[in-house]
PDB file of N, CA and C in Angstrom:
ATOM      1  N   MET A   1      22.396  53.828  -1.695  1.00  0.00           N
ATOM      2  CA  MET A   1      22.308  52.663  -0.826  1.00  0.00           C
ATOM      3  C   MET A   1      21.474  51.594  -1.529  1.00  0.00           C
ATOM      4  N   THR A   2      21.979  50.415  -1.558  1.00  0.00           N
ATOM      5  CA  THR A   2      21.237  49.310  -2.168  1.00  0.00           C
ATOM      6  C   THR A   2      20.843  48.322  -1.097  1.00  0.00           C
ATOM      7  N   ASP A   3      19.720  47.763  -1.290  1.00  0.00           N
ATOM      8  CA  ASP A   3      19.240  46.730  -0.370  1.00  0.00           C
ATOM      9  C   ASP A   3      19.531  45.374  -0.982  1.00  0.00           C
ATOM     10  N   ASP A   4      20.704  44.865  -0.700  1.00  0.00           N
ATOM     11  CA  ASP A   4      21.063  43.551  -1.205  1.00  0.00           C
ATOM     12  C   ASP A   4      20.383  42.484  -0.359  1.00  0.00           C
ATOM     13  N   VAL A   5      19.562  41.723  -1.003  1.00  0.00           N
ATOM     14  CA  VAL A   5      18.881  40.636  -0.325  1.00  0.00           C
ATOM     15  C   VAL A   5      19.796  39.424  -0.388  1.00  0.00           C
ATOM     16  N   PRO A   6      20.096  38.838   0.762  1.00  0.00           N
ATOM     17  CA  PRO A   6      20.966  37.662   0.721  1.00  0.00           C
ATOM     18  C   PRO A   6      20.306  36.519  -0.035  1.00  0.00           C
ATOM     19  N   VAL A   7      21.096  35.848  -0.817  1.00  0.00           N
ATOM     20  CA  VAL A   7      20.611  34.709  -1.595  1.00  0.00           C
ATOM     21  C   VAL A   7      20.799  33.459  -0.753  1.00  0.00           C
ATOM     22  N   THR A   8      19.714  32.765  -0.543  1.00  0.00           N
ATOM     23  CA  THR A   8      19.779  31.527   0.213  1.00  0.00           C
ATOM     24  C   THR A   8      19.909  30.387  -0.777  1.00  0.00           C
ATOM     25  N   GLU A   9      21.026  29.693  -0.701  1.00  0.00           N
ATOM     26  CA  GLU A   9      21.247  28.574  -1.606  1.00  0.00           C
ATOM     27  C   GLU A   9      20.543  27.337  -1.082  1.00  0.00           C
ATOM     28  N   LYS A  10      19.986  26.577  -2.016  1.00  0.00           N
ATOM     29  CA  LYS A  10      19.398  25.307  -1.631  1.00  0.00           C
ATOM     30  C   LYS A  10      20.530  24.344  -1.306  1.00  0.00           C
ATOM     31  N   PRO A  11      20.362  23.545  -0.281  1.00  0.00           N
ATOM     32  CA  PRO A  11      21.415  22.578   0.026  1.00  0.00           C
ATOM     33  C   PRO A  11      21.559  21.562  -1.106  1.00  0.00           C
ATOM     34  N   ASP A  12      22.757  21.080  -1.291  1.00  0.00           N
ATOM     35  CA  ASP A  12      23.021  20.077  -2.308  1.00  0.00           C
ATOM     36  C   ASP A  12      22.413  18.756  -1.842  1.00  0.00           C
ATOM     37  N   THR A  13      21.442  18.287  -2.578  1.00  0.00           N
ATOM     38  CA  THR A  13      20.723  17.084  -2.164  1.00  0.00           C
ATOM     39  C   THR A  13      21.101  15.848  -2.981  1.00  0.00           C
ATOM     40  N   ARG A  14      22.137  15.958  -3.805  1.00  0.00           N
ATOM     41  CA  ARG A  14      22.472  14.830  -4.683  1.00  0.00           C
ATOM     42  C   ARG A  14      22.747  13.538  -3.925  1.00  0.00           C
ATOM     43  N   ARG A  15      23.516  13.612  -2.844  1.00  0.00           N
ATOM     44  CA  ARG A  15      23.832  12.389  -2.098  1.00  0.00           C
ATOM     45  C   ARG A  15      22.581  11.797  -1.459  1.00  0.00           C
ATOM     46  N   LEU A  16      21.720  12.667  -0.921  1.00  0.00           N
ATOM     47  CA  LEU A  16      20.463  12.199  -0.334  1.00  0.00           C
ATOM     48  C   LEU A  16      19.575  11.595  -1.421  1.00  0.00           C
ATOM     49  N   ASP A  17      19.465  12.278  -2.540  1.00  0.00           N
ATOM     50  CA  ASP A  17      18.646  11.775  -3.644  1.00  0.00           C
ATOM     51  C   ASP A  17      19.150  10.421  -4.132  1.00  0.00           C
ATOM     52  N   ASP A  18      20.467  10.293  -4.269  1.00  0.00           N
ATOM     53  CA  ASP A  18      21.054   9.014  -4.700  1.00  0.00           C
ATOM     54  C   ASP A  18      20.732   7.904  -3.703  1.00  0.00           C
ATOM     55  N   LEU A  19      20.841   8.229  -2.413  1.00  0.00           N
ATOM     56  CA  LEU A  19      20.537   7.245  -1.374  1.00  0.00           C
ATOM     57  C   LEU A  19      19.081   6.804  -1.464  1.00  0.00           C
ATOM     58  N   LEU A  20      18.170   7.759  -1.597  1.00  0.00           N
ATOM     59  CA  LEU A  20      16.746   7.423  -1.661  1.00  0.00           C
ATOM     60  C   LEU A  20      16.430   6.611  -2.910  1.00  0.00           C
ATOM     61  N   GLU A  21      17.010   6.989  -4.048  1.00  0.00           N
ATOM     62  CA  GLU A  21      16.766   6.230  -5.276  1.00  0.00           C
ATOM     63  C   GLU A  21      17.225   4.792  -5.127  1.00  0.00           C
ATOM     64  N   ASP A  22      18.393   4.599  -4.539  1.00  0.00           N
ATOM     65  CA  ASP A  22      18.923   3.255  -4.339  1.00  0.00           C
ATOM     66  C   ASP A  22      18.084   2.477  -3.328  1.00  0.00           C
ATOM     67  N   LEU A  23      17.732   3.128  -2.239  1.00  0.00           N
ATOM     68  CA  LEU A  23      16.990   2.485  -1.161  1.00  0.00           C
ATOM     69  C   LEU A  23      15.595   2.050  -1.605  1.00  0.00           C
ATOM     70  N   TYR A  24      14.949   2.850  -2.426  1.00  0.00           N
ATOM     71  CA  TYR A  24      13.575   2.561  -2.831  1.00  0.00           C
ATOM     72  C   TYR A  24      13.482   1.725  -4.105  1.00  0.00           C
ATOM     73  N   ARG A  25      14.605   1.354  -4.682  1.00  0.00           N
ATOM     74  CA  ARG A  25      14.576   0.525  -5.886  1.00  0.00           C
ATOM     75  C   ARG A  25      13.877  -0.794  -5.544  1.00  0.00           C
ATOM     76  N   GLY A  26      12.719  -1.011  -6.142  1.00  0.00           N
ATOM     77  CA  GLY A  26      11.963  -2.238  -5.895  1.00  0.00           C
ATOM     78  C   GLY A  26      11.144  -2.226  -4.612  1.00  0.00           C
ATOM     79  N   GLN A  27      11.125  -1.119  -3.901  1.00  0.00           N
ATOM     80  CA  GLN A  27      10.380  -1.000  -2.638  1.00  0.00           C
ATOM     81  C   GLN A  27       9.359   0.136  -2.747  1.00  0.00           C
ATOM     82  N   GLU A  28       8.171  -0.084  -2.231  1.00  0.00           N
ATOM     83  CA  GLU A  28       7.174   0.985  -2.207  1.00  0.00           C
ATOM     84  C   GLU A  28       7.301   1.848  -0.966  1.00  0.00           C
ATOM     85  N   ARG A  29       7.598   1.212   0.165  1.00  0.00           N
ATOM     86  CA  ARG A  29       7.700   1.930   1.434  1.00  0.00           C
ATOM     87  C   ARG A  29       8.919   1.412   2.189  1.00  0.00           C
ATOM     88  N   VAL A  30       9.578   2.311   2.897  1.00  0.00           N
ATOM     89  CA  VAL A  30      10.768   1.964   3.670  1.00  0.00           C
ATOM     90  C   VAL A  30      10.638   2.631   5.029  1.00  0.00           C
ATOM     91  N   SER A  31      11.075   1.944   6.071  1.00  0.00           N
ATOM     92  CA  SER A  31      10.949   2.493   7.425  1.00  0.00           C
ATOM     93  C   SER A  31      11.977   3.590   7.682  1.00  0.00           C
ATOM     94  N   GLN A  32      11.656   4.438   8.627  1.00  0.00           N
ATOM     95  CA  GLN A  32      12.569   5.503   9.043  1.00  0.00           C
ATOM     96  C   GLN A  32      13.879   4.902   9.515  1.00  0.00           C
ATOM     97  N   ALA A  33      13.802   3.791  10.226  1.00  0.00           N
ATOM     98  CA  ALA A  33      15.007   3.138  10.746  1.00  0.00           C
ATOM     99  C   ALA A  33      15.896   2.646   9.609  1.00  0.00           C
ATOM    100  N   ASP A  34      15.298   2.093   8.558  1.00  0.00           N
ATOM    101  CA  ASP A  34      16.084   1.624   7.415  1.00  0.00           C
ATOM    102  C   ASP A  34      16.735   2.790   6.674  1.00  0.00           C
ATOM    103  N   ILE A  35      15.996   3.872   6.523  1.00  0.00           N
ATOM    104  CA  ILE A  35      16.568   5.060   5.876  1.00  0.00           C
ATOM    105  C   ILE A  35      17.767   5.549   6.683  1.00  0.00           C
ATOM    106  N   TYR A  36      17.607   5.603   7.999  1.00  0.00           N
ATOM    107  CA  TYR A  36      18.688   6.091   8.863  1.00  0.00           C
ATOM    108  C   TYR A  36      19.910   5.172   8.789  1.00  0.00           C
ATOM    109  N   ARG A  37      19.684   3.867   8.866  1.00  0.00           N
ATOM    110  CA  ARG A  37      20.803   2.911   8.800  1.00  0.00           C
ATOM    111  C   ARG A  37      21.589   3.066   7.503  1.00  0.00           C
ATOM    112  N   ARG A  38      20.873   3.177   6.392  1.00  0.00           N
ATOM    113  CA  ARG A  38      21.545   3.323   5.098  1.00  0.00           C
ATOM    114  C   ARG A  38      22.264   4.657   4.988  1.00  0.00           C
ATOM    115  N   ALA A  39      21.687   5.708   5.579  1.00  0.00           N
ATOM    116  CA  ALA A  39      22.337   7.025   5.550  1.00  0.00           C
ATOM    117  C   ALA A  39      23.636   7.010   6.344  1.00  0.00           C
ATOM    118  N   VAL A  40      23.633   6.326   7.484  1.00  0.00           N
ATOM    119  CA  VAL A  40      24.846   6.197   8.296  1.00  0.00           C
ATOM    120  C   VAL A  40      25.894   5.408   7.513  1.00  0.00           C
ATOM    121  N   ALA A  41      25.479   4.305   6.909  1.00  0.00           N
ATOM    122  CA  ALA A  41      26.408   3.476   6.140  1.00  0.00           C
ATOM    123  C   ALA A  41      26.985   4.251   4.951  1.00  0.00           C
ATOM    124  N   ALA A  42      26.189   5.140   4.375  1.00  0.00           N
ATOM    125  CA  ALA A  42      26.639   5.948   3.236  1.00  0.00           C
ATOM    126  C   ALA A  42      27.436   7.177   3.682  1.00  0.00           C
ATOM    127  N   GLU A  43      27.556   7.340   4.991  1.00  0.00           N
ATOM    128  CA  GLU A  43      28.299   8.460   5.578  1.00  0.00           C
ATOM    129  C   GLU A  43      27.781   9.818   5.098  1.00  0.00           C
ATOM    130  N   LEU A  44      26.445   9.945   5.117  1.00  0.00           N
ATOM    131  CA  LEU A  44      25.851  11.242   4.789  1.00  0.00           C
ATOM    132  C   LEU A  44      26.235  12.254   5.862  1.00  0.00           C
ATOM    133  N   PRO A  45      26.247  13.531   5.511  1.00  0.00           N
ATOM    134  CA  PRO A  45      26.587  14.565   6.496  1.00  0.00           C
ATOM    135  C   PRO A  45      25.618  14.559   7.683  1.00  0.00           C
ATOM    136  N   SER A  46      26.108  15.041   8.801  1.00  0.00           N
ATOM    137  CA  SER A  46      25.308  15.029  10.027  1.00  0.00           C
ATOM    138  C   SER A  46      23.999  15.792   9.875  1.00  0.00           C
ATOM    139  N   GLU A  47      23.964  16.798   9.027  1.00  0.00           N
ATOM    140  CA  GLU A  47      22.716  17.551   8.792  1.00  0.00           C
ATOM    141  C   GLU A  47      21.615  16.615   8.301  1.00  0.00           C
ATOM    142  N   TRP A  48      21.952  15.732   7.363  1.00  0.00           N
ATOM    143  CA  TRP A  48      20.964  14.804   6.834  1.00  0.00           C
ATOM    144  C   TRP A  48      20.605  13.738   7.855  1.00  0.00           C
ATOM    145  N   LEU A  49      21.610  13.252   8.607  1.00  0.00           N
ATOM    146  CA  LEU A  49      21.331  12.247   9.631  1.00  0.00           C
ATOM    147  C   LEU A  49      20.381  12.800  10.686  1.00  0.00           C
ATOM    148  N   THR A  50      20.579  14.053  11.051  1.00  0.00           N
ATOM    149  CA  THR A  50      19.702  14.699  12.038  1.00  0.00           C
ATOM    150  C   THR A  50      18.277  14.785  11.502  1.00  0.00           C
ATOM    151  N   ARG A  51      18.136  15.166  10.253  1.00  0.00           N
ATOM    152  CA  ARG A  51      16.799  15.255   9.649  1.00  0.00           C
ATOM    153  C   ARG A  51      16.116  13.889   9.606  1.00  0.00           C
ATOM    154  N   ILE A  52      16.862  12.870   9.211  1.00  0.00           N
ATOM    155  CA  ILE A  52      16.297  11.524   9.117  1.00  0.00           C
ATOM    156  C   ILE A  52      15.912  11.011  10.500  1.00  0.00           C
ATOM    157  N   CYS A  53      16.771  11.256  11.474  1.00  0.00           N
ATOM    158  CA  CYS A  53      16.507  10.817  12.844  1.00  0.00           C
ATOM    159  C   CYS A  53      15.251  11.498  13.408  1.00  0.00           C
ATOM    160  N   ALA A  54      14.977  12.709  12.962  1.00  0.00           N
ATOM    161  CA  ALA A  54      13.824  13.468  13.453  1.00  0.00           C
ATOM    162  C   ALA A  54      12.499  13.008  12.844  1.00  0.00           C
ATOM    163  N   LEU A  55      12.560  12.186  11.794  1.00  0.00           N
ATOM    164  CA  LEU A  55      11.314  11.683  11.211  1.00  0.00           C
ATOM    165  C   LEU A  55      10.604  10.792  12.224  1.00  0.00           C
ATOM    166  N   PRO A  56       9.293  10.896  12.318  1.00  0.00           N
ATOM    167  CA  PRO A  56       8.560   9.961  13.178  1.00  0.00           C
ATOM    168  C   PRO A  56       8.757   8.532  12.686  1.00  0.00           C
ATOM    169  N   GLU A  57       8.765   7.595  13.618  1.00  0.00           N
ATOM    170  CA  GLU A  57       8.885   6.195  13.237  1.00  0.00           C
ATOM    171  C   GLU A  57       7.734   5.832  12.322  1.00  0.00           C
ATOM    172  N   GLY A  58       8.009   4.951  11.411  1.00  0.00           N
ATOM    173  CA  GLY A  58       6.980   4.513  10.477  1.00  0.00           C
ATOM    174  C   GLY A  58       7.594   4.277   9.123  1.00  0.00           C
ATOM    175  N   GLU A  59       6.737   3.990   8.161  1.00  0.00           N
ATOM    176  CA  GLU A  59       7.186   3.736   6.800  1.00  0.00           C
ATOM    177  C   GLU A  59       6.798   4.899   5.905  1.00  0.00           C
ATOM    178  N   TYR A  60       7.653   5.140   4.909  1.00  0.00           N
ATOM    179  CA  TYR A  60       7.467   6.274   4.016  1.00  0.00           C
ATOM    180  C   TYR A  60       7.635   5.828   2.572  1.00  0.00           C
ATOM    181  N   SER A  61       6.840   6.428   1.690  1.00  0.00           N
ATOM    182  CA  SER A  61       7.074   6.260   0.261  1.00  0.00           C
ATOM    183  C   SER A  61       8.246   7.166  -0.100  1.00  0.00           C
ATOM    184  N   VAL A  62       8.808   6.977  -1.270  1.00  0.00           N
ATOM    185  CA  VAL A  62       9.936   7.812  -1.678  1.00  0.00           C
ATOM    186  C   VAL A  62       9.519   9.276  -1.770  1.00  0.00           C
ATOM    187  N   ASP A  63       8.294   9.545  -2.237  1.00  0.00           N
ATOM    188  CA  ASP A  63       7.814  10.924  -2.325  1.00  0.00           C
ATOM    189  C   ASP A  63       7.710  11.571  -0.942  1.00  0.00           C
ATOM    190  N   GLU A  64       7.169  10.809   0.007  1.00  0.00           N
ATOM    191  CA  GLU A  64       7.026  11.333   1.369  1.00  0.00           C
ATOM    192  C   GLU A  64       8.393  11.614   1.989  1.00  0.00           C
ATOM    193  N   ALA A  65       9.311  10.664   1.845  1.00  0.00           N
ATOM    194  CA  ALA A  65      10.640  10.826   2.431  1.00  0.00           C
ATOM    195  C   ALA A  65      11.360  12.016   1.814  1.00  0.00           C
ATOM    196  N   ALA A  66      11.336  12.126   0.497  1.00  0.00           N
ATOM    197  CA  ALA A  66      12.009  13.238  -0.175  1.00  0.00           C
ATOM    198  C   ALA A  66      11.401  14.567   0.247  1.00  0.00           C
ATOM    199  N   ASP A  67      10.082  14.618   0.340  1.00  0.00           N
ATOM    200  CA  ASP A  67       9.412  15.857   0.732  1.00  0.00           C
ATOM    201  C   ASP A  67       9.781  16.258   2.153  1.00  0.00           C
ATOM    202  N   LEU A  68       9.768  15.312   3.065  1.00  0.00           N
ATOM    203  CA  LEU A  68      10.067  15.612   4.469  1.00  0.00           C
ATOM    204  C   LEU A  68      11.541  15.938   4.693  1.00  0.00           C
ATOM    205  N   LEU A  69      12.422  15.363   3.893  1.00  0.00           N
ATOM    206  CA  LEU A  69      13.852  15.562   4.094  1.00  0.00           C
ATOM    207  C   LEU A  69      14.427  16.682   3.230  1.00  0.00           C
ATOM    208  N   GLY A  70      13.659  17.158   2.285  1.00  0.00           N
ATOM    209  CA  GLY A  70      14.149  18.240   1.431  1.00  0.00           C
ATOM    210  C   GLY A  70      14.840  17.757   0.178  1.00  0.00           C
ATOM    211  N   GLY A  71      14.666  16.491  -0.140  1.00  0.00           N
ATOM    212  CA  GLY A  71      15.268  15.952  -1.361  1.00  0.00           C
ATOM    213  C   GLY A  71      14.414  16.274  -2.568  1.00  0.00           C
ATOM    214  N   THR A  72      14.892  15.863  -3.724  1.00  0.00           N
ATOM    215  CA  THR A  72      14.172  16.167  -4.952  1.00  0.00           C
ATOM    216  C   THR A  72      13.721  14.920  -5.702  1.00  0.00           C
ATOM    217  N   VAL A  73      13.868  13.753  -5.113  1.00  0.00           N
ATOM    218  CA  VAL A  73      13.458  12.510  -5.756  1.00  0.00           C
ATOM    219  C   VAL A  73      11.937  12.431  -5.718  1.00  0.00           C
ATOM    220  N   THR A  74      11.337  12.081  -6.849  1.00  0.00           N
ATOM    221  CA  THR A  74       9.881  11.872  -6.868  1.00  0.00           C
ATOM    222  C   THR A  74       9.538  10.663  -7.682  1.00  0.00           C
TER     223      THR A  74
END
């Protein structure tokens, strides 16, 4: 008997990372509302829209946004 541990794959964050890189180009901080609007316009999957919508209102640096959303942009 083997104990196969299920492998949990990391979600593909390329589209989110691309969105954040584009959104933060020339900007230090961006509001949650702006991130959400751009994500909707980019037709990101509902999983990402839900995560973005759940962020508290306010402004975020790219590092903060990526960390909270699970992206890899730094």
